[in-house]
């Protein structure tokens, strides 16, 4: 019996910005269905590491593997990402925003909108589906962004500072979503 390949593997990655070394020889693996907490103080290199995983930055040294193979852009369609900085288009509706990101990950227009509507209902935001992002509270907008990250059923979900600014009720919703994603076999890195 063979063991499953890690969904994500970092092997001695490093990243410097001039003389400042943000990440030094970082190694870890995330297994299928695992919820993995990546912790450290401000300035420890967490966001730089996430940006390297996503291909936004290139490691100075080391190797990143996604889904058992060396990093390749094709693996990105299997990743859902909730950035620390919110990245929604303020003049789009909640449903259109979620559907847009799902279509970028390969879903058809109709499937993306169907999933967007279902997720909004799941997050108790169904009545806000046609509201512009700019009219939503910070917590509602964060739930919409989380919905955009999971609408395409990713195999790896990366959540950068997901609990920042959430009230206790929305923290509970996020915790439930993380558990649901792991239960369906999605690996979660936060």
C-alpha atoms as a PDB file:
ATOM      1  CA  UNK A   1       0.000   0.000   0.000  1.00  0.00           C
ATOM      2  CA  UNK A   2       1.496   3.352  -1.060  1.00  0.00           C
ATOM      3  CA  UNK A   3       0.928   6.569   0.815  1.00  0.00           C
ATOM      4  CA  UNK A   4      -0.653   9.554  -0.915  1.00  0.00           C
ATOM      5  CA  UNK A   5       1.570  12.305  -2.277  1.00  0.00           C
ATOM      6  CA  UNK A   6       1.524  15.554  -0.321  1.00  0.00           C
ATOM      7  CA  UNK A   7      -0.749  18.199  -1.780  1.00  0.00           C
ATOM      8  CA  UNK A   8       1.915  20.795  -1.015  1.00  0.00           C
ATOM      9  CA  UNK A   9       5.608  20.341  -0.217  1.00  0.00           C
ATOM     10  CA  UNK A  10       8.133  23.077   0.491  1.00  0.00           C
ATOM     11  CA  UNK A  11      11.733  21.887   0.485  1.00  0.00           C
ATOM     12  CA  UNK A  12      14.239  24.362   1.964  1.00  0.00           C
ATOM     13  CA  UNK A  13      12.781  27.460   0.307  1.00  0.00           C
ATOM     14  CA  UNK A  14      14.374  30.834   0.976  1.00  0.00           C
ATOM     15  CA  UNK A  15      13.535  34.378  -0.080  1.00  0.00           C
ATOM     16  CA  UNK A  16      15.458  37.611   0.446  1.00  0.00           C
ATOM     17  CA  UNK A  17      14.638  41.216  -0.335  1.00  0.00           C
ATOM     18  CA  UNK A  18      18.031  42.824  -0.686  1.00  0.00           C
ATOM     19  CA  UNK A  19      19.901  42.247   2.579  1.00  0.00           C
ATOM     20  CA  UNK A  20      16.719  41.207   4.446  1.00  0.00           C
ATOM     21  CA  UNK A  21      16.045  37.458   4.496  1.00  0.00           C
ATOM     22  CA  UNK A  22      12.285  37.014   4.812  1.00  0.00           C
ATOM     23  CA  UNK A  23      12.237  33.193   4.548  1.00  0.00           C
ATOM     24  CA  UNK A  24      15.160  30.937   5.422  1.00  0.00           C
ATOM     25  CA  UNK A  25      15.255  27.270   4.484  1.00  0.00           C
ATOM     26  CA  UNK A  26      11.540  26.606   5.132  1.00  0.00           C
ATOM     27  CA  UNK A  27      10.329  23.021   4.712  1.00  0.00           C
ATOM     28  CA  UNK A  28       6.932  21.457   5.397  1.00  0.00           C
ATOM     29  CA  UNK A  29       4.312  19.242   3.770  1.00  0.00           C
ATOM     30  CA  UNK A  30       0.526  19.375   3.703  1.00  0.00           C
ATOM     31  CA  UNK A  31      -1.219  16.051   3.212  1.00  0.00           C
ATOM     32  CA  UNK A  32      -4.573  15.455   1.450  1.00  0.00           C
ATOM     33  CA  UNK A  33      -7.464  16.550   3.694  1.00  0.00           C
ATOM     34  CA  UNK A  34      -5.138  18.015   6.325  1.00  0.00           C
ATOM     35  CA  UNK A  35      -5.816  21.338   8.060  1.00  0.00           C
ATOM     36  CA  UNK A  36      -2.385  22.900   8.511  1.00  0.00           C
ATOM     37  CA  UNK A  37      -1.759  26.027  10.575  1.00  0.00           C
ATOM     38  CA  UNK A  38       1.217  28.075   9.429  1.00  0.00           C
ATOM     39  CA  UNK A  39       2.003  30.382  12.358  1.00  0.00           C
ATOM     40  CA  UNK A  40       4.579  33.040  13.139  1.00  0.00           C
ATOM     41  CA  UNK A  41       4.906  36.634  14.292  1.00  0.00           C
ATOM     42  CA  UNK A  42       4.511  39.611  11.962  1.00  0.00           C
ATOM     43  CA  UNK A  43       7.452  39.792   9.573  1.00  0.00           C
ATOM     44  CA  UNK A  44       8.281  36.083   9.912  1.00  0.00           C
ATOM     45  CA  UNK A  45       7.765  35.440   6.171  1.00  0.00           C
ATOM     46  CA  UNK A  46       4.331  33.826   6.150  1.00  0.00           C
ATOM     47  CA  UNK A  47       2.909  36.026   3.380  1.00  0.00           C
ATOM     48  CA  UNK A  48       6.129  35.770   1.350  1.00  0.00           C
ATOM     49  CA  UNK A  49       5.896  31.982   1.648  1.00  0.00           C
ATOM     50  CA  UNK A  50       2.269  31.985   0.505  1.00  0.00           C
ATOM     51  CA  UNK A  51       3.198  34.214  -2.436  1.00  0.00           C
ATOM     52  CA  UNK A  52       5.892  31.727  -3.431  1.00  0.00           C
ATOM     53  CA  UNK A  53       3.394  28.848  -3.219  1.00  0.00           C
ATOM     54  CA  UNK A  54       1.079  30.801  -5.533  1.00  0.00           C
ATOM     55  CA  UNK A  55       3.872  31.674  -7.970  1.00  0.00           C
ATOM     56  CA  UNK A  56       3.654  35.420  -7.309  1.00  0.00           C
ATOM     57  CA  UNK A  57       7.234  35.315  -6.018  1.00  0.00           C
ATOM     58  CA  UNK A  58      10.004  32.902  -6.978  1.00  0.00           C
ATOM     59  CA  UNK A  59      12.077  31.303  -4.221  1.00  0.00           C
ATOM     60  CA  UNK A  60      15.763  32.245  -4.227  1.00  0.00           C
ATOM     61  CA  UNK A  61      16.519  28.651  -3.195  1.00  0.00           C
ATOM     62  CA  UNK A  62      14.607  25.436  -2.641  1.00  0.00           C
ATOM     63  CA  UNK A  63      11.710  23.764  -4.389  1.00  0.00           C
ATOM     64  CA  UNK A  64       7.919  23.842  -4.125  1.00  0.00           C
ATOM     65  CA  UNK A  65       5.791  20.909  -5.238  1.00  0.00           C
ATOM     66  CA  UNK A  66       2.045  20.991  -5.807  1.00  0.00           C
ATOM     67  CA  UNK A  67       0.016  17.795  -6.002  1.00  0.00           C
ATOM     68  CA  UNK A  68       3.097  15.583  -6.150  1.00  0.00           C
ATOM     69  CA  UNK A  69       4.925  17.376  -8.979  1.00  0.00           C
ATOM     70  CA  UNK A  70       7.291  20.361  -9.137  1.00  0.00           C
ATOM     71  CA  UNK A  71       5.451  23.698  -9.105  1.00  0.00           C
ATOM     72  CA  UNK A  72       3.663  24.420 -12.384  1.00  0.00           C
ATOM     73  CA  UNK A  73       1.108  27.084 -13.272  1.00  0.00           C
ATOM     74  CA  UNK A  74      -1.448  24.361 -14.156  1.00  0.00           C
ATOM     75  CA  UNK A  75      -1.717  23.455 -10.476  1.00  0.00           C
ATOM     76  CA  UNK A  76      -3.138  26.870  -9.620  1.00  0.00           C
ATOM     77  CA  UNK A  77      -6.628  25.938 -10.880  1.00  0.00           C
ATOM     78  CA  UNK A  78      -6.759  23.417  -8.029  1.00  0.00           C
ATOM     79  CA  UNK A  79      -6.061  26.080  -5.377  1.00  0.00           C
ATOM     80  CA  UNK A  80      -8.494  28.399  -3.625  1.00  0.00           C
ATOM     81  CA  UNK A  81      -6.983  31.503  -2.064  1.00  0.00           C
ATOM     82  CA  UNK A  82      -8.278  33.998   0.481  1.00  0.00           C
ATOM     83  CA  UNK A  83      -5.699  36.807   0.638  1.00  0.00           C
ATOM     84  CA  UNK A  84      -5.108  38.933   3.708  1.00  0.00           C
ATOM     85  CA  UNK A  85      -5.877  42.037   1.647  1.00  0.00           C
ATOM     86  CA  UNK A  86      -9.362  41.895   0.213  1.00  0.00           C
ATOM     87  CA  UNK A  87      -9.390  41.713  -3.576  1.00  0.00           C
ATOM     88  CA  UNK A  88     -13.007  42.025  -4.662  1.00  0.00           C
ATOM     89  CA  UNK A  89     -14.291  44.364  -7.347  1.00  0.00           C
ATOM     90  CA  UNK A  90     -16.369  46.859  -5.360  1.00  0.00           C
ATOM     91  CA  UNK A  91     -18.818  47.608  -8.182  1.00  0.00           C
ATOM     92  CA  UNK A  92     -19.674  43.960  -8.891  1.00  0.00           C
ATOM     93  CA  UNK A  93     -22.481  42.163  -7.103  1.00  0.00           C
ATOM     94  CA  UNK A  94     -21.687  39.490  -4.543  1.00  0.00           C
ATOM     95  CA  UNK A  95     -22.920  36.687  -6.814  1.00  0.00           C
ATOM     96  CA  UNK A  96     -21.113  38.030  -9.883  1.00  0.00           C
ATOM     97  CA  UNK A  97     -17.864  38.355  -7.917  1.00  0.00           C
ATOM     98  CA  UNK A  98     -17.977  34.739  -6.767  1.00  0.00           C
ATOM     99  CA  UNK A  99     -18.947  33.504 -10.225  1.00  0.00           C
ATOM    100  CA  UNK A 100     -16.189  35.547 -11.872  1.00  0.00           C
ATOM    101  CA  UNK A 101     -13.468  33.930  -9.752  1.00  0.00           C
ATOM    102  CA  UNK A 102     -15.002  30.471 -10.290  1.00  0.00           C
ATOM    103  CA  UNK A 103     -14.936  31.006 -14.068  1.00  0.00           C
ATOM    104  CA  UNK A 104     -11.257  32.015 -13.840  1.00  0.00           C
ATOM    105  CA  UNK A 105     -10.708  28.547 -12.338  1.00  0.00           C
ATOM    106  CA  UNK A 106     -12.441  26.782 -15.230  1.00  0.00           C
ATOM    107  CA  UNK A 107     -16.140  26.587 -14.344  1.00  0.00           C
ATOM    108  CA  UNK A 108     -18.721  27.397 -16.997  1.00  0.00           C
ATOM    109  CA  UNK A 109     -20.765  30.589 -16.667  1.00  0.00           C
ATOM    110  CA  UNK A 110     -23.891  28.701 -15.615  1.00  0.00           C
ATOM    111  CA  UNK A 111     -22.131  26.377 -13.155  1.00  0.00           C
ATOM    112  CA  UNK A 112     -20.208  29.307 -11.632  1.00  0.00           C
ATOM    113  CA  UNK A 113     -23.428  31.271 -11.044  1.00  0.00           C
ATOM    114  CA  UNK A 114     -25.229  28.205  -9.691  1.00  0.00           C
ATOM    115  CA  UNK A 115     -22.462  27.574  -7.174  1.00  0.00           C
ATOM    116  CA  UNK A 116     -22.208  31.257  -6.275  1.00  0.00           C
ATOM    117  CA  UNK A 117     -25.915  31.357  -5.459  1.00  0.00           C
ATOM    118  CA  UNK A 118     -25.733  28.139  -3.409  1.00  0.00           C
ATOM    119  CA  UNK A 119     -22.717  29.327  -1.411  1.00  0.00           C
ATOM    120  CA  UNK A 120     -24.321  32.693  -0.703  1.00  0.00           C
ATOM    121  CA  UNK A 121     -27.361  30.857   0.665  1.00  0.00           C
ATOM    122  CA  UNK A 122     -25.057  28.620   2.766  1.00  0.00           C
ATOM    123  CA  UNK A 123     -23.418  31.744   4.224  1.00  0.00           C
ATOM    124  CA  UNK A 124     -26.797  33.400   4.932  1.00  0.00           C
ATOM    125  CA  UNK A 125     -26.075  36.033   2.285  1.00  0.00           C
ATOM    126  CA  UNK A 126     -28.688  34.989  -0.274  1.00  0.00           C
ATOM    127  CA  UNK A 127     -30.613  38.249   0.047  1.00  0.00           C
ATOM    128  CA  UNK A 128     -27.378  40.156  -0.704  1.00  0.00           C
ATOM    129  CA  UNK A 129     -26.569  38.252  -3.915  1.00  0.00           C
ATOM    130  CA  UNK A 130     -27.297  41.263  -6.150  1.00  0.00           C
ATOM    131  CA  UNK A 131     -25.844  43.877  -3.795  1.00  0.00           C
ATOM    132  CA  UNK A 132     -22.588  45.547  -4.787  1.00  0.00           C
ATOM    133  CA  UNK A 133     -19.540  44.614  -2.744  1.00  0.00           C
ATOM    134  CA  UNK A 134     -19.129  48.274  -1.780  1.00  0.00           C
ATOM    135  CA  UNK A 135     -22.476  48.161   0.068  1.00  0.00           C
ATOM    136  CA  UNK A 136     -21.567  45.110   2.206  1.00  0.00           C
ATOM    137  CA  UNK A 137     -20.100  45.181   5.691  1.00  0.00           C
ATOM    138  CA  UNK A 138     -16.478  44.094   6.139  1.00  0.00           C
ATOM    139  CA  UNK A 139     -17.580  40.710   7.519  1.00  0.00           C
ATOM    140  CA  UNK A 140     -20.021  40.129   4.650  1.00  0.00           C
ATOM    141  CA  UNK A 141     -17.370  41.055   2.084  1.00  0.00           C
ATOM    142  CA  UNK A 142     -14.934  38.636   3.729  1.00  0.00           C
ATOM    143  CA  UNK A 143     -17.521  35.836   3.500  1.00  0.00           C
ATOM    144  CA  UNK A 144     -18.023  36.677  -0.194  1.00  0.00           C
ATOM    145  CA  UNK A 145     -14.265  36.470  -0.744  1.00  0.00           C
ATOM    146  CA  UNK A 146     -14.168  33.117   1.079  1.00  0.00           C
ATOM    147  CA  UNK A 147     -17.037  31.939  -1.124  1.00  0.00           C
ATOM    148  CA  UNK A 148     -15.012  32.967  -4.192  1.00  0.00           C
ATOM    149  CA  UNK A 149     -12.075  30.912  -2.899  1.00  0.00           C
ATOM    150  CA  UNK A 150     -14.134  27.699  -2.544  1.00  0.00           C
ATOM    151  CA  UNK A 151     -16.662  27.973  -5.386  1.00  0.00           C
ATOM    152  CA  UNK A 152     -14.572  25.789  -7.733  1.00  0.00           C
ATOM    153  CA  UNK A 153     -14.086  23.027  -5.110  1.00  0.00           C
ATOM    154  CA  UNK A 154     -10.310  23.413  -4.758  1.00  0.00           C
ATOM    155  CA  UNK A 155      -8.017  20.611  -3.629  1.00  0.00           C
ATOM    156  CA  UNK A 156      -5.913  23.085  -1.619  1.00  0.00           C
ATOM    157  CA  UNK A 157      -7.374  26.099   0.166  1.00  0.00           C
ATOM    158  CA  UNK A 158      -4.943  28.777   1.335  1.00  0.00           C
ATOM    159  CA  UNK A 159      -6.312  31.254   3.867  1.00  0.00           C
ATOM    160  CA  UNK A 160      -4.023  34.195   4.693  1.00  0.00           C
ATOM    161  CA  UNK A 161      -5.081  35.696   8.071  1.00  0.00           C
ATOM    162  CA  UNK A 162      -8.678  34.458   7.611  1.00  0.00           C
ATOM    163  CA  UNK A 163      -9.994  35.434  11.061  1.00  0.00           C
ATOM    164  CA  UNK A 164      -8.753  39.033  10.908  1.00  0.00           C
ATOM    165  CA  UNK A 165     -11.607  41.439  11.625  1.00  0.00           C
ATOM    166  CA  UNK A 166     -14.325  38.781  11.925  1.00  0.00           C
ATOM    167  CA  UNK A 167     -16.878  38.866  14.719  1.00  0.00           C
ATOM    168  CA  UNK A 168     -17.468  35.636  16.722  1.00  0.00           C
ATOM    169  CA  UNK A 169     -20.444  34.541  14.568  1.00  0.00           C
ATOM    170  CA  UNK A 170     -18.494  34.915  11.330  1.00  0.00           C
ATOM    171  CA  UNK A 171     -15.480  33.193  12.926  1.00  0.00           C
ATOM    172  CA  UNK A 172     -17.763  30.218  13.602  1.00  0.00           C
ATOM    173  CA  UNK A 173     -18.946  30.214   9.957  1.00  0.00           C
ATOM    174  CA  UNK A 174     -15.326  30.206   8.797  1.00  0.00           C
ATOM    175  CA  UNK A 175     -14.424  27.379  11.188  1.00  0.00           C
ATOM    176  CA  UNK A 176     -17.364  25.346   9.860  1.00  0.00           C
ATOM    177  CA  UNK A 177     -16.278  25.968   6.255  1.00  0.00           C
ATOM    178  CA  UNK A 178     -12.726  24.845   7.038  1.00  0.00           C
ATOM    179  CA  UNK A 179     -14.056  21.629   8.597  1.00  0.00           C
ATOM    180  CA  UNK A 180     -16.400  21.025   5.618  1.00  0.00           C
ATOM    181  CA  UNK A 181     -13.585  21.535   3.119  1.00  0.00           C
ATOM    182  CA  UNK A 182     -11.295  19.125   5.002  1.00  0.00           C
ATOM    183  CA  UNK A 183     -14.114  16.562   5.294  1.00  0.00           C
ATOM    184  CA  UNK A 184     -14.503  16.522   1.493  1.00  0.00           C
ATOM    185  CA  UNK A 185     -10.742  15.919   1.142  1.00  0.00           C
ATOM    186  CA  UNK A 186      -9.525  19.481   0.560  1.00  0.00           C
ATOM    187  CA  UNK A 187      -6.272  20.405   2.275  1.00  0.00           C
ATOM    188  CA  UNK A 188      -6.403  23.725   4.136  1.00  0.00           C
ATOM    189  CA  UNK A 189      -3.395  25.926   4.881  1.00  0.00           C
ATOM    190  CA  UNK A 190      -3.948  28.922   7.113  1.00  0.00           C
END
